[in-house]
Amino acid sequence: MAEITNRISYQSAYRVDIIESERGWGQKIDEVKYFDNEDEAKKFVKEYNLKYNNEPTVPDWYMVAEYCGYCQIATIENKLSDIKIGDKERILDLN
């Protein structure tokens, strides 16, 4: 008989949102990036905003990086184990 097993693991990360903003339409999160440490995340935000937001006035449309802080990312690993064949069990990865 087949059996499905789920394993959930958590990884520490630091989140940065890339936000699209358009005058009259508002804002939305366009992309989410995760970094291994806080310094890398903050460095990315600083460099991104210096590169793409260097005008003396705010344009009608722009993208901005925003540091969101520490978070944990959950990863779910699904495996389907099938009937034992001899001494080995056949395992299918469902991810």
N, C-alpha and C. Protein backbone atom coordinates (compact mmCIF):
# COMPACT_ATOMS: atom_id res chain seq x y z
N MET A 1 0.84 -1.18 0.00
CA MET A 1 0.00 0.00 0.00
C MET A 1 0.88 1.24 0.00
N ALA A 2 0.52 2.22 -0.81
CA ALA A 2 1.28 3.46 -0.90
C ALA A 2 1.01 4.36 0.30
N GLU A 3 2.02 5.11 0.67
CA GLU A 3 1.88 6.02 1.80
C GLU A 3 2.51 7.36 1.44
N ILE A 4 1.80 8.44 1.71
CA ILE A 4 2.34 9.77 1.45
C ILE A 4 2.84 10.34 2.77
N THR A 5 4.07 10.83 2.77
CA THR A 5 4.61 11.47 3.97
C THR A 5 4.96 12.91 3.63
N ASN A 6 4.73 13.78 4.56
CA ASN A 6 5.05 15.20 4.41
C ASN A 6 6.07 15.58 5.48
N ARG A 7 7.08 16.30 5.07
CA ARG A 7 8.06 16.81 6.03
C ARG A 7 8.15 18.32 5.83
N ILE A 8 7.95 19.04 6.90
CA ILE A 8 8.01 20.50 6.84
C ILE A 8 9.30 20.94 7.52
N SER A 9 10.06 21.77 6.82
CA SER A 9 11.28 22.34 7.41
C SER A 9 11.21 23.86 7.30
N TYR A 10 11.89 24.53 8.20
CA TYR A 10 11.87 25.99 8.24
C TYR A 10 13.28 26.52 8.07
N GLN A 11 13.38 27.61 7.32
CA GLN A 11 14.67 28.24 7.09
C GLN A 11 14.55 29.72 7.45
N SER A 12 15.52 30.22 8.17
CA SER A 12 15.55 31.65 8.51
C SER A 12 15.94 32.46 7.29
N ALA A 13 15.31 33.61 7.13
CA ALA A 13 15.61 34.47 5.98
C ALA A 13 15.28 35.92 6.32
N TYR A 14 15.70 36.81 5.44
CA TYR A 14 15.40 38.23 5.57
C TYR A 14 14.72 38.66 4.27
N ARG A 15 13.56 39.25 4.40
CA ARG A 15 12.69 39.52 3.24
C ARG A 15 12.83 40.96 2.74
N VAL A 16 12.84 41.08 1.41
CA VAL A 16 12.82 42.37 0.73
C VAL A 16 11.70 42.33 -0.30
N ASP A 17 10.83 43.32 -0.28
CA ASP A 17 9.77 43.43 -1.28
C ASP A 17 10.18 44.45 -2.33
N ILE A 18 9.93 44.13 -3.60
CA ILE A 18 10.09 45.09 -4.69
C ILE A 18 8.68 45.57 -4.99
N ILE A 19 8.45 46.85 -4.80
CA ILE A 19 7.11 47.42 -4.90
C ILE A 19 7.00 48.31 -6.13
N GLU A 20 5.96 48.06 -6.91
CA GLU A 20 5.65 48.91 -8.07
C GLU A 20 4.68 49.98 -7.61
N SER A 21 4.93 51.21 -7.98
CA SER A 21 4.06 52.31 -7.59
C SER A 21 3.74 53.16 -8.82
N GLU A 22 2.46 53.45 -9.00
CA GLU A 22 2.04 54.28 -10.12
C GLU A 22 1.03 55.31 -9.63
N ARG A 23 1.32 56.57 -9.95
CA ARG A 23 0.44 57.66 -9.53
C ARG A 23 -0.98 57.41 -10.03
N GLY A 24 -1.94 57.52 -9.14
CA GLY A 24 -3.34 57.33 -9.50
C GLY A 24 -3.81 55.88 -9.43
N TRP A 25 -2.88 54.94 -9.38
CA TRP A 25 -3.24 53.52 -9.34
C TRP A 25 -2.83 52.85 -8.03
N GLY A 26 -1.87 53.42 -7.34
CA GLY A 26 -1.46 52.84 -6.06
C GLY A 26 -0.20 52.00 -6.17
N GLN A 27 -0.06 51.08 -5.21
CA GLN A 27 1.13 50.24 -5.12
C GLN A 27 0.76 48.77 -5.08
N LYS A 28 1.72 47.93 -5.51
CA LYS A 28 1.56 46.49 -5.37
C LYS A 28 2.94 45.86 -5.24
N ILE A 29 2.99 44.74 -4.54
CA ILE A 29 4.25 44.01 -4.44
C ILE A 29 4.45 43.27 -5.76
N ASP A 30 5.54 43.59 -6.43
CA ASP A 30 5.84 42.99 -7.73
C ASP A 30 6.70 41.74 -7.58
N GLU A 31 7.57 41.73 -6.58
CA GLU A 31 8.49 40.61 -6.39
C GLU A 31 8.90 40.54 -4.93
N VAL A 32 9.16 39.35 -4.43
CA VAL A 32 9.67 39.15 -3.08
C VAL A 32 11.01 38.43 -3.20
N LYS A 33 12.02 38.95 -2.50
CA LYS A 33 13.35 38.33 -2.49
C LYS A 33 13.69 37.97 -1.06
N TYR A 34 14.41 36.85 -0.90
CA TYR A 34 14.84 36.39 0.42
C TYR A 34 16.36 36.32 0.44
N PHE A 35 16.94 36.71 1.58
CA PHE A 35 18.39 36.73 1.74
C PHE A 35 18.77 35.93 2.99
N ASP A 36 20.01 35.42 2.98
CA ASP A 36 20.50 34.61 4.10
C ASP A 36 20.79 35.43 5.35
N ASN A 37 21.14 36.70 5.16
CA ASN A 37 21.42 37.52 6.34
C ASN A 37 20.94 38.95 6.15
N GLU A 38 20.82 39.63 7.26
CA GLU A 38 20.26 40.98 7.28
C GLU A 38 21.11 41.97 6.50
N ASP A 39 22.43 41.86 6.62
CA ASP A 39 23.32 42.79 5.92
C ASP A 39 23.16 42.69 4.40
N GLU A 40 23.06 41.47 3.87
CA GLU A 40 22.86 41.30 2.42
C GLU A 40 21.55 41.93 1.97
N ALA A 41 20.50 41.72 2.75
CA ALA A 41 19.18 42.27 2.40
C ALA A 41 19.22 43.80 2.39
N LYS A 42 19.79 44.38 3.42
CA LYS A 42 19.85 45.85 3.50
C LYS A 42 20.76 46.43 2.42
N LYS A 43 21.84 45.73 2.09
CA LYS A 43 22.74 46.18 1.02
C LYS A 43 22.00 46.17 -0.32
N PHE A 44 21.23 45.10 -0.57
CA PHE A 44 20.46 45.03 -1.81
C PHE A 44 19.49 46.20 -1.92
N VAL A 45 18.76 46.49 -0.83
CA VAL A 45 17.79 47.59 -0.83
C VAL A 45 18.48 48.91 -1.14
N LYS A 46 19.60 49.17 -0.49
CA LYS A 46 20.32 50.43 -0.70
C LYS A 46 20.79 50.57 -2.15
N GLU A 47 21.41 49.50 -2.68
CA GLU A 47 21.93 49.54 -4.05
C GLU A 47 20.80 49.63 -5.08
N TYR A 48 19.72 48.89 -4.86
CA TYR A 48 18.58 48.92 -5.79
C TYR A 48 17.98 50.32 -5.85
N ASN A 49 17.75 50.90 -4.69
CA ASN A 49 17.12 52.22 -4.65
C ASN A 49 18.03 53.33 -5.17
N LEU A 50 19.35 53.20 -4.95
CA LEU A 50 20.28 54.18 -5.53
C LEU A 50 20.30 54.09 -7.05
N LYS A 51 20.19 52.87 -7.57
CA LYS A 51 20.23 52.66 -9.02
C LYS A 51 18.95 53.11 -9.71
N TYR A 52 17.79 52.78 -9.12
CA TYR A 52 16.52 53.00 -9.81
C TYR A 52 15.72 54.20 -9.30
N ASN A 53 16.12 54.79 -8.20
CA ASN A 53 15.37 55.92 -7.64
C ASN A 53 16.32 57.08 -7.36
N ASN A 54 16.87 57.62 -8.43
CA ASN A 54 17.88 58.68 -8.28
C ASN A 54 17.46 60.00 -8.93
N GLU A 55 16.18 60.16 -9.21
CA GLU A 55 15.68 61.40 -9.80
C GLU A 55 15.41 62.43 -8.70
N PRO A 56 15.50 63.72 -9.02
CA PRO A 56 15.23 64.74 -8.01
C PRO A 56 13.74 64.85 -7.64
N THR A 57 12.86 64.36 -8.54
CA THR A 57 11.42 64.36 -8.24
C THR A 57 10.89 62.94 -8.38
N VAL A 58 9.75 62.68 -7.77
CA VAL A 58 9.14 61.35 -7.83
C VAL A 58 8.43 61.20 -9.18
N PRO A 59 8.79 60.17 -9.96
CA PRO A 59 8.13 59.96 -11.26
C PRO A 59 6.71 59.40 -11.08
N ASP A 60 5.95 59.41 -12.17
CA ASP A 60 4.59 58.86 -12.12
C ASP A 60 4.59 57.35 -11.87
N TRP A 61 5.63 56.66 -12.36
CA TRP A 61 5.74 55.21 -12.16
C TRP A 61 7.16 54.90 -11.72
N TYR A 62 7.28 54.05 -10.70
CA TYR A 62 8.61 53.64 -10.25
C TYR A 62 8.53 52.34 -9.45
N MET A 63 9.70 51.71 -9.29
CA MET A 63 9.85 50.50 -8.48
C MET A 63 10.77 50.87 -7.31
N VAL A 64 10.47 50.32 -6.14
CA VAL A 64 11.28 50.61 -4.96
C VAL A 64 11.45 49.33 -4.16
N ALA A 65 12.64 49.15 -3.58
CA ALA A 65 12.90 47.99 -2.72
C ALA A 65 12.66 48.42 -1.28
N GLU A 66 12.01 47.54 -0.51
CA GLU A 66 11.69 47.82 0.89
C GLU A 66 12.10 46.63 1.76
N TYR A 67 12.93 46.91 2.76
CA TYR A 67 13.37 45.87 3.68
C TYR A 67 12.22 45.54 4.64
N CYS A 68 11.86 44.26 4.74
CA CYS A 68 10.74 43.84 5.59
C CYS A 68 11.18 43.15 6.87
N GLY A 69 12.43 42.69 6.93
CA GLY A 69 12.94 42.09 8.15
C GLY A 69 13.01 40.58 8.14
N TYR A 70 13.18 40.04 9.34
CA TYR A 70 13.36 38.61 9.55
C TYR A 70 12.07 37.84 9.31
N CYS A 71 12.20 36.65 8.74
CA CYS A 71 11.05 35.76 8.56
C CYS A 71 11.55 34.32 8.50
N GLN A 72 10.63 33.40 8.50
CA GLN A 72 10.96 31.99 8.32
C GLN A 72 10.20 31.48 7.10
N ILE A 73 10.89 30.72 6.27
CA ILE A 73 10.29 30.15 5.06
C ILE A 73 10.03 28.67 5.33
N ALA A 74 8.81 28.25 5.12
CA ALA A 74 8.44 26.85 5.30
C ALA A 74 8.57 26.12 3.97
N THR A 75 9.20 24.97 4.00
CA THR A 75 9.33 24.12 2.83
C THR A 75 8.65 22.79 3.15
N ILE A 76 7.75 22.37 2.29
CA ILE A 76 7.05 21.11 2.49
C ILE A 76 7.58 20.11 1.47
N GLU A 77 8.06 18.99 1.98
CA GLU A 77 8.59 17.94 1.12
C GLU A 77 7.60 16.78 1.16
N ASN A 78 7.06 16.44 0.01
CA ASN A 78 6.10 15.33 -0.10
C ASN A 78 6.78 14.13 -0.74
N LYS A 79 6.57 12.97 -0.15
CA LYS A 79 7.11 11.74 -0.73
C LYS A 79 6.02 10.68 -0.71
N LEU A 80 5.97 9.92 -1.78
CA LEU A 80 5.04 8.81 -1.89
C LEU A 80 5.88 7.53 -1.88
N SER A 81 5.73 6.72 -0.85
CA SER A 81 6.46 5.46 -0.81
C SER A 81 5.52 4.36 -1.26
N ASP A 82 6.02 3.52 -2.11
CA ASP A 82 5.22 2.47 -2.74
C ASP A 82 5.58 1.11 -2.12
N ILE A 83 5.11 0.06 -2.71
CA ILE A 83 5.33 -1.29 -2.19
C ILE A 83 6.82 -1.60 -2.14
N LYS A 84 7.21 -2.38 -1.17
CA LYS A 84 8.60 -2.79 -1.07
C LYS A 84 8.90 -3.82 -2.15
N ILE A 85 10.00 -3.60 -2.85
CA ILE A 85 10.41 -4.53 -3.89
C ILE A 85 11.74 -5.12 -3.42
N GLY A 86 11.71 -6.36 -3.00
CA GLY A 86 12.91 -6.98 -2.44
C GLY A 86 13.26 -6.28 -1.14
N ASP A 87 14.50 -5.83 -1.03
CA ASP A 87 14.95 -5.12 0.17
C ASP A 87 14.81 -3.61 0.04
N LYS A 88 14.38 -3.12 -1.12
CA LYS A 88 14.34 -1.68 -1.34
C LYS A 88 12.90 -1.20 -1.44
N GLU A 89 12.68 0.01 -1.01
CA GLU A 89 11.37 0.63 -1.10
C GLU A 89 11.43 1.68 -2.21
N ARG A 90 10.47 1.65 -3.11
CA ARG A 90 10.45 2.62 -4.21
C ARG A 90 9.83 3.91 -3.67
N ILE A 91 10.52 5.01 -3.85
CA ILE A 91 10.04 6.30 -3.36
C ILE A 91 9.93 7.27 -4.51
N LEU A 92 8.80 7.92 -4.61
CA LEU A 92 8.57 8.92 -5.64
C LEU A 92 8.55 10.29 -4.98
N ASP A 93 9.26 11.23 -5.55
CA ASP A 93 9.27 12.59 -5.03
C ASP A 93 8.14 13.36 -5.71
N LEU A 94 7.21 13.90 -4.92
CA LEU A 94 6.05 14.61 -5.47
C LEU A 94 6.28 16.09 -5.67
N ASN A 95 7.44 16.61 -5.26
CA ASN A 95 7.69 18.05 -5.39
C ASN A 95 7.99 18.43 -6.81
